């Protein structure tokens, strides 16, 4: 509406930092943001390390953070930024909608989680909601977070074992790699299969990747 557009223009624009390692995706996000009368891009980063440095320089109102990037992941960048700037308002973006990715992003301090196939209006609404101090979780994301309340969480050691399972290592190799007994590895594997509701190591690997528990090396 023309009246609403004029009101938005009169306000100080929402200053946005875009963090995205893929050029095409970054251009797409920039186009959406630049089309809004109440938004302004202050900087663009291609990895988490650069994002942290640019955040410190520009102190944006909202950061749009891709979570899977080289050098420093979006997860690591969220932690680094919020450790230094606890009030940082971050929208997590991902190509994937794995439940563990969502849980981790929100737990680490992101105020919203969107997959990159979201509608333009949804991204804009998320930015405005987060800027005003709210949390933006689309219904599918909120439903996933609710379902996670009933999912057992893998321990740190189990995650280490699972990563090596995904890499194709057997129990003996895992035991050697982690410096633990082979029987201990067997117990961890048994627990992992139970927690992931998997019948075997192959199914556990598939579920771990689909859910975002394990990320394949870029």
C-alpha atoms as a PDB file:
ATOM      1  CA  UNK A   1       0.000   0.000   0.000  1.00  0.00           C
ATOM      2  CA  UNK A   2       1.361   3.486  -0.896  1.00  0.00           C
ATOM      3  CA  UNK A   3       0.671   4.879   2.592  1.00  0.00           C
ATOM      4  CA  UNK A   4       2.476   2.029   4.292  1.00  0.00           C
ATOM      5  CA  UNK A   5       5.429   2.360   1.912  1.00  0.00           C
ATOM      6  CA  UNK A   6       5.786   6.046   2.785  1.00  0.00           C
ATOM      7  CA  UNK A   7       5.741   5.248   6.522  1.00  0.00           C
ATOM      8  CA  UNK A   8       8.450   2.603   6.048  1.00  0.00           C
ATOM      9  CA  UNK A   9      10.617   5.053   4.127  1.00  0.00           C
ATOM     10  CA  UNK A  10      10.377   7.608   6.909  1.00  0.00           C
ATOM     11  CA  UNK A  11      11.844   5.192   9.470  1.00  0.00           C
ATOM     12  CA  UNK A  12      15.555   4.487   9.787  1.00  0.00           C
ATOM     13  CA  UNK A  13      16.229   1.475   7.546  1.00  0.00           C
ATOM     14  CA  UNK A  14      16.922  -1.940   9.008  1.00  0.00           C
ATOM     15  CA  UNK A  15      20.667  -2.407   8.494  1.00  0.00           C
ATOM     16  CA  UNK A  16      21.409  -5.922   7.260  1.00  0.00           C
ATOM     17  CA  UNK A  17      24.528  -8.085   6.987  1.00  0.00           C
ATOM     18  CA  UNK A  18      24.204 -10.909   4.452  1.00  0.00           C
ATOM     19  CA  UNK A  19      26.379 -13.984   5.002  1.00  0.00           C
ATOM     20  CA  UNK A  20      26.270 -16.451   2.093  1.00  0.00           C
ATOM     21  CA  UNK A  21      29.097 -18.231   0.300  1.00  0.00           C
ATOM     22  CA  UNK A  22      27.246 -18.925  -2.969  1.00  0.00           C
ATOM     23  CA  UNK A  23      27.176 -15.925  -5.307  1.00  0.00           C
ATOM     24  CA  UNK A  24      23.810 -16.675  -6.938  1.00  0.00           C
ATOM     25  CA  UNK A  25      22.086 -17.159  -3.584  1.00  0.00           C
ATOM     26  CA  UNK A  26      23.708 -13.999  -2.223  1.00  0.00           C
ATOM     27  CA  UNK A  27      22.526 -11.984  -5.229  1.00  0.00           C
ATOM     28  CA  UNK A  28      19.011 -13.367  -4.809  1.00  0.00           C
ATOM     29  CA  UNK A  29      18.863 -12.398  -1.132  1.00  0.00           C
ATOM     30  CA  UNK A  30      20.313  -8.971  -1.917  1.00  0.00           C
ATOM     31  CA  UNK A  31      17.654  -8.383  -4.571  1.00  0.00           C
ATOM     32  CA  UNK A  32      14.852  -9.192  -2.107  1.00  0.00           C
ATOM     33  CA  UNK A  33      16.314  -6.966   0.613  1.00  0.00           C
ATOM     34  CA  UNK A  34      17.071  -4.071  -1.736  1.00  0.00           C
ATOM     35  CA  UNK A  35      13.461  -4.076  -2.962  1.00  0.00           C
ATOM     36  CA  UNK A  36      12.242  -3.142   0.529  1.00  0.00           C
ATOM     37  CA  UNK A  37      11.963   0.581   1.367  1.00  0.00           C
ATOM     38  CA  UNK A  38      12.813  -0.008   5.033  1.00  0.00           C
ATOM     39  CA  UNK A  39      15.912  -2.166   4.564  1.00  0.00           C
ATOM     40  CA  UNK A  40      19.532  -1.484   3.680  1.00  0.00           C
ATOM     41  CA  UNK A  41      22.468  -3.881   3.139  1.00  0.00           C
ATOM     42  CA  UNK A  42      25.533  -2.693   5.054  1.00  0.00           C
ATOM     43  CA  UNK A  43      27.888  -5.569   4.160  1.00  0.00           C
ATOM     44  CA  UNK A  44      28.146  -9.033   2.612  1.00  0.00           C
ATOM     45  CA  UNK A  45      30.331 -11.922   3.821  1.00  0.00           C
ATOM     46  CA  UNK A  46      31.216 -15.239   2.200  1.00  0.00           C
ATOM     47  CA  UNK A  47      32.115 -17.226   5.331  1.00  0.00           C
ATOM     48  CA  UNK A  48      31.616 -17.137   9.082  1.00  0.00           C
ATOM     49  CA  UNK A  49      35.029 -15.693   9.853  1.00  0.00           C
ATOM     50  CA  UNK A  50      34.413 -12.750   7.548  1.00  0.00           C
ATOM     51  CA  UNK A  51      30.905 -12.390   8.994  1.00  0.00           C
ATOM     52  CA  UNK A  52      32.288 -11.980  12.512  1.00  0.00           C
ATOM     53  CA  UNK A  53      34.749  -9.310  11.376  1.00  0.00           C
ATOM     54  CA  UNK A  54      32.129  -7.415   9.368  1.00  0.00           C
ATOM     55  CA  UNK A  55      29.627  -7.614  12.207  1.00  0.00           C
ATOM     56  CA  UNK A  56      32.153  -5.986  14.523  1.00  0.00           C
ATOM     57  CA  UNK A  57      32.745  -3.231  11.954  1.00  0.00           C
ATOM     58  CA  UNK A  58      29.154  -2.462  10.965  1.00  0.00           C
ATOM     59  CA  UNK A  59      27.022  -3.607  13.938  1.00  0.00           C
ATOM     60  CA  UNK A  60      24.032  -4.511  11.728  1.00  0.00           C
ATOM     61  CA  UNK A  61      20.477  -4.625  13.049  1.00  0.00           C
ATOM     62  CA  UNK A  62      19.864  -8.082  11.539  1.00  0.00           C
ATOM     63  CA  UNK A  63      22.238 -10.703  10.129  1.00  0.00           C
ATOM     64  CA  UNK A  64      21.084 -13.222   7.512  1.00  0.00           C
ATOM     65  CA  UNK A  65      23.347 -16.206   8.193  1.00  0.00           C
ATOM     66  CA  UNK A  66      23.858 -19.209   5.933  1.00  0.00           C
ATOM     67  CA  UNK A  67      24.691 -22.071   8.287  1.00  0.00           C
ATOM     68  CA  UNK A  68      26.816 -24.246   5.986  1.00  0.00           C
ATOM     69  CA  UNK A  69      29.920 -22.447   4.767  1.00  0.00           C
ATOM     70  CA  UNK A  70      33.666 -23.064   4.429  1.00  0.00           C
ATOM     71  CA  UNK A  71      36.379 -21.658   6.760  1.00  0.00           C
ATOM     72  CA  UNK A  72      33.904 -21.053   9.612  1.00  0.00           C
ATOM     73  CA  UNK A  73      30.360 -22.408   9.552  1.00  0.00           C
ATOM     74  CA  UNK A  74      27.295 -20.314  10.258  1.00  0.00           C
ATOM     75  CA  UNK A  75      26.852 -22.169  13.546  1.00  0.00           C
ATOM     76  CA  UNK A  76      30.351 -21.162  14.649  1.00  0.00           C
ATOM     77  CA  UNK A  77      29.784 -17.602  13.477  1.00  0.00           C
ATOM     78  CA  UNK A  78      26.541 -17.314  15.466  1.00  0.00           C
ATOM     79  CA  UNK A  79      28.435 -18.386  18.598  1.00  0.00           C
ATOM     80  CA  UNK A  80      31.354 -16.023  17.929  1.00  0.00           C
ATOM     81  CA  UNK A  81      29.108 -13.043  17.220  1.00  0.00           C
ATOM     82  CA  UNK A  82      26.741 -13.586  20.135  1.00  0.00           C
ATOM     83  CA  UNK A  83      29.616 -14.207  22.556  1.00  0.00           C
ATOM     84  CA  UNK A  84      30.858 -10.707  21.745  1.00  0.00           C
ATOM     85  CA  UNK A  85      27.470  -9.111  21.026  1.00  0.00           C
ATOM     86  CA  UNK A  86      24.783 -10.917  23.068  1.00  0.00           C
ATOM     87  CA  UNK A  87      22.021  -8.786  21.571  1.00  0.00           C
ATOM     88  CA  UNK A  88      22.818  -9.773  17.972  1.00  0.00           C
ATOM     89  CA  UNK A  89      19.701 -10.617  15.978  1.00  0.00           C
ATOM     90  CA  UNK A  90      20.290 -13.411  13.511  1.00  0.00           C
ATOM     91  CA  UNK A  91      18.152 -15.158  10.900  1.00  0.00           C
ATOM     92  CA  UNK A  92      19.549 -18.606  10.056  1.00  0.00           C
ATOM     93  CA  UNK A  93      19.264 -19.650   6.405  1.00  0.00           C
ATOM     94  CA  UNK A  94      19.853 -23.096   4.980  1.00  0.00           C
ATOM     95  CA  UNK A  95      19.256 -25.190   1.895  1.00  0.00           C
ATOM     96  CA  UNK A  96      18.375 -27.964   4.314  1.00  0.00           C
ATOM     97  CA  UNK A  97      15.561 -28.364   6.823  1.00  0.00           C
ATOM     98  CA  UNK A  98      17.106 -31.090   8.947  1.00  0.00           C
ATOM     99  CA  UNK A  99      15.734 -31.126  12.486  1.00  0.00           C
ATOM    100  CA  UNK A 100      19.160 -31.064  14.125  1.00  0.00           C
ATOM    101  CA  UNK A 101      20.202 -28.045  12.036  1.00  0.00           C
ATOM    102  CA  UNK A 102      17.083 -26.215  13.212  1.00  0.00           C
ATOM    103  CA  UNK A 103      17.541 -27.194  16.858  1.00  0.00           C
ATOM    104  CA  UNK A 104      21.189 -26.227  16.860  1.00  0.00           C
ATOM    105  CA  UNK A 105      20.637 -22.857  15.171  1.00  0.00           C
ATOM    106  CA  UNK A 106      17.886 -21.829  17.589  1.00  0.00           C
ATOM    107  CA  UNK A 107      19.746 -23.190  20.621  1.00  0.00           C
ATOM    108  CA  UNK A 108      22.866 -21.217  19.682  1.00  0.00           C
ATOM    109  CA  UNK A 109      20.879 -17.991  19.497  1.00  0.00           C
ATOM    110  CA  UNK A 110      19.347 -17.520  16.040  1.00  0.00           C
ATOM    111  CA  UNK A 111      15.938 -15.842  16.261  1.00  0.00           C
ATOM    112  CA  UNK A 112      14.603 -17.370  13.047  1.00  0.00           C
ATOM    113  CA  UNK A 113      15.240 -20.321  10.764  1.00  0.00           C
ATOM    114  CA  UNK A 114      14.291 -20.331   7.091  1.00  0.00           C
ATOM    115  CA  UNK A 115      15.080 -22.670   4.234  1.00  0.00           C
ATOM    116  CA  UNK A 116      16.294 -20.929   1.093  1.00  0.00           C
ATOM    117  CA  UNK A 117      13.226 -21.957  -0.891  1.00  0.00           C
ATOM    118  CA  UNK A 118      11.040 -19.737   1.317  1.00  0.00           C
ATOM    119  CA  UNK A 119       8.843 -17.100  -0.303  1.00  0.00           C
ATOM    120  CA  UNK A 120      10.196 -13.564  -0.609  1.00  0.00           C
ATOM    121  CA  UNK A 121       7.445 -12.243   1.681  1.00  0.00           C
ATOM    122  CA  UNK A 122       8.431 -14.784   4.330  1.00  0.00           C
ATOM    123  CA  UNK A 123      12.052 -13.618   4.364  1.00  0.00           C
ATOM    124  CA  UNK A 124      10.964  -9.997   4.628  1.00  0.00           C
ATOM    125  CA  UNK A 125       8.540 -10.799   7.451  1.00  0.00           C
ATOM    126  CA  UNK A 126      11.254 -12.741   9.293  1.00  0.00           C
ATOM    127  CA  UNK A 127      13.664  -9.797   9.060  1.00  0.00           C
ATOM    128  CA  UNK A 128      11.092  -7.334  10.406  1.00  0.00           C
ATOM    129  CA  UNK A 129       9.993  -9.700  13.185  1.00  0.00           C
ATOM    130  CA  UNK A 130      13.548 -10.393  14.336  1.00  0.00           C
ATOM    131  CA  UNK A 131      14.447  -6.706  14.114  1.00  0.00           C
ATOM    132  CA  UNK A 132      11.552  -5.896  16.454  1.00  0.00           C
ATOM    133  CA  UNK A 133      12.888  -8.415  18.977  1.00  0.00           C
ATOM    134  CA  UNK A 134      10.648 -11.349  18.094  1.00  0.00           C
ATOM    135  CA  UNK A 135      11.268 -14.920  16.981  1.00  0.00           C
ATOM    136  CA  UNK A 136      10.137 -16.101  13.554  1.00  0.00           C
ATOM    137  CA  UNK A 137       9.509 -19.804  13.089  1.00  0.00           C
ATOM    138  CA  UNK A 138       7.387 -20.894  10.107  1.00  0.00           C
ATOM    139  CA  UNK A 139       4.815 -23.599  11.048  1.00  0.00           C
ATOM    140  CA  UNK A 140       6.901 -26.491   9.601  1.00  0.00           C
ATOM    141  CA  UNK A 141       9.966 -25.349  11.578  1.00  0.00           C
ATOM    142  CA  UNK A 142       7.948 -24.897  14.774  1.00  0.00           C
ATOM    143  CA  UNK A 143       6.481 -28.390  14.322  1.00  0.00           C
ATOM    144  CA  UNK A 144       9.963 -29.897  13.927  1.00  0.00           C
ATOM    145  CA  UNK A 145      11.187 -28.171  17.089  1.00  0.00           C
ATOM    146  CA  UNK A 146       8.180 -29.519  18.983  1.00  0.00           C
ATOM    147  CA  UNK A 147       8.809 -33.048  17.722  1.00  0.00           C
ATOM    148  CA  UNK A 148      12.432 -32.819  18.898  1.00  0.00           C
ATOM    149  CA  UNK A 149      11.224 -32.742  22.485  1.00  0.00           C
ATOM    150  CA  UNK A 150      10.668 -36.483  22.102  1.00  0.00           C
ATOM    151  CA  UNK A 151      13.999 -37.223  20.376  1.00  0.00           C
ATOM    152  CA  UNK A 152      16.891 -38.404  22.559  1.00  0.00           C
ATOM    153  CA  UNK A 153      20.072 -36.369  22.066  1.00  0.00           C
ATOM    154  CA  UNK A 154      23.365 -38.026  21.196  1.00  0.00           C
ATOM    155  CA  UNK A 155      26.210 -37.487  23.652  1.00  0.00           C
ATOM    156  CA  UNK A 156      29.462 -35.867  22.552  1.00  0.00           C
ATOM    157  CA  UNK A 157      31.210 -39.243  22.418  1.00  0.00           C
ATOM    158  CA  UNK A 158      28.350 -40.762  20.441  1.00  0.00           C
ATOM    159  CA  UNK A 159      28.593 -37.915  17.934  1.00  0.00           C
ATOM    160  CA  UNK A 160      32.318 -38.568  17.554  1.00  0.00           C
ATOM    161  CA  UNK A 161      31.631 -42.255  16.923  1.00  0.00           C
ATOM    162  CA  UNK A 162      28.812 -41.426  14.497  1.00  0.00           C
ATOM    163  CA  UNK A 163      31.069 -39.125  12.471  1.00  0.00           C
ATOM    164  CA  UNK A 164      33.536 -41.973  12.016  1.00  0.00           C
ATOM    165  CA  UNK A 165      30.733 -44.377  11.112  1.00  0.00           C
ATOM    166  CA  UNK A 166      29.652 -41.916   8.409  1.00  0.00           C
ATOM    167  CA  UNK A 167      33.284 -41.838   7.217  1.00  0.00           C
ATOM    168  CA  UNK A 168      33.061 -45.610   6.753  1.00  0.00           C
ATOM    169  CA  UNK A 169      35.262 -46.768   9.643  1.00  0.00           C
ATOM    170  CA  UNK A 170      34.692 -50.085  11.389  1.00  0.00           C
ATOM    171  CA  UNK A 171      34.600 -50.574  15.160  1.00  0.00           C
ATOM    172  CA  UNK A 172      38.281 -51.497  15.418  1.00  0.00           C
ATOM    173  CA  UNK A 173      39.331 -48.406  13.452  1.00  0.00           C
ATOM    174  CA  UNK A 174      37.016 -46.181  15.502  1.00  0.00           C
ATOM    175  CA  UNK A 175      38.450 -47.593  18.736  1.00  0.00           C
ATOM    176  CA  UNK A 176      41.985 -46.847  17.541  1.00  0.00           C
ATOM    177  CA  UNK A 177      41.042 -43.372  16.327  1.00  0.00           C
ATOM    178  CA  UNK A 178      39.354 -42.367  19.577  1.00  0.00           C
ATOM    179  CA  UNK A 179      41.686 -44.261  21.893  1.00  0.00           C
ATOM    180  CA  UNK A 180      38.921 -46.319  23.494  1.00  0.00           C
ATOM    181  CA  UNK A 181      38.182 -50.040  23.815  1.00  0.00           C
ATOM    182  CA  UNK A 182      36.455 -51.883  20.969  1.00  0.00           C
ATOM    183  CA  UNK A 183      33.710 -53.044  23.358  1.00  0.00           C
ATOM    184  CA  UNK A 184      33.097 -49.399  24.298  1.00  0.00           C
ATOM    185  CA  UNK A 185      32.660 -48.571  20.610  1.00  0.00           C
ATOM    186  CA  UNK A 186      30.153 -51.429  20.283  1.00  0.00           C
ATOM    187  CA  UNK A 187      28.134 -50.008  23.164  1.00  0.00           C
ATOM    188  CA  UNK A 188      28.176 -46.536  21.620  1.00  0.00           C
ATOM    189  CA  UNK A 189      27.060 -47.911  18.252  1.00  0.00           C
ATOM    190  CA  UNK A 190      24.204 -49.784  19.914  1.00  0.00           C
ATOM    191  CA  UNK A 191      23.080 -46.595  21.667  1.00  0.00           C
ATOM    192  CA  UNK A 192      23.369 -44.562  18.463  1.00  0.00           C
ATOM    193  CA  UNK A 193      21.202 -47.007  16.513  1.00  0.00           C
ATOM    194  CA  UNK A 194      18.583 -46.922  19.253  1.00  0.00           C
ATOM    195  CA  UNK A 195      18.511 -43.128  19.508  1.00  0.00           C
ATOM    196  CA  UNK A 196      18.299 -42.708  15.729  1.00  0.00           C
ATOM    197  CA  UNK A 197      15.749 -45.523  15.430  1.00  0.00           C
ATOM    198  CA  UNK A 198      18.012 -47.136  12.834  1.00  0.00           C
ATOM    199  CA  UNK A 199      18.337 -50.833  12.005  1.00  0.00           C
ATOM    200  CA  UNK A 200      21.983 -50.699  10.961  1.00  0.00           C
ATOM    201  CA  UNK A 201      24.977 -48.423  10.382  1.00  0.00           C
ATOM    202  CA  UNK A 202      23.894 -47.556   6.819  1.00  0.00           C
ATOM    203  CA  UNK A 203      20.475 -46.411   7.958  1.00  0.00           C
ATOM    204  CA  UNK A 204      22.042 -44.503  10.847  1.00  0.00           C
ATOM    205  CA  UNK A 205      24.341 -42.724   8.381  1.00  0.00           C
ATOM    206  CA  UNK A 206      21.432 -41.784   6.117  1.00  0.00           C
ATOM    207  CA  UNK A 207      19.340 -40.458   8.993  1.00  0.00           C
ATOM    208  CA  UNK A 208      22.249 -38.549  10.496  1.00  0.00           C
ATOM    209  CA  UNK A 209      22.858 -36.719   7.212  1.00  0.00           C
ATOM    210  CA  UNK A 210      19.175 -36.091   6.486  1.00  0.00           C
ATOM    211  CA  UNK A 211      18.567 -34.679   9.954  1.00  0.00           C
ATOM    212  CA  UNK A 212      21.656 -32.470   9.869  1.00  0.00           C
ATOM    213  CA  UNK A 213      23.296 -34.284  12.799  1.00  0.00           C
ATOM    214  CA  UNK A 214      26.329 -34.892  10.583  1.00  0.00           C
ATOM    215  CA  UNK A 215      27.378 -32.608   7.723  1.00  0.00           C
ATOM    216  CA  UNK A 216      29.346 -34.065   4.850  1.00  0.00           C
ATOM    217  CA  UNK A 217      32.654 -32.326   4.214  1.00  0.00           C
ATOM    218  CA  UNK A 218      32.355 -29.504   1.691  1.00  0.00           C
END
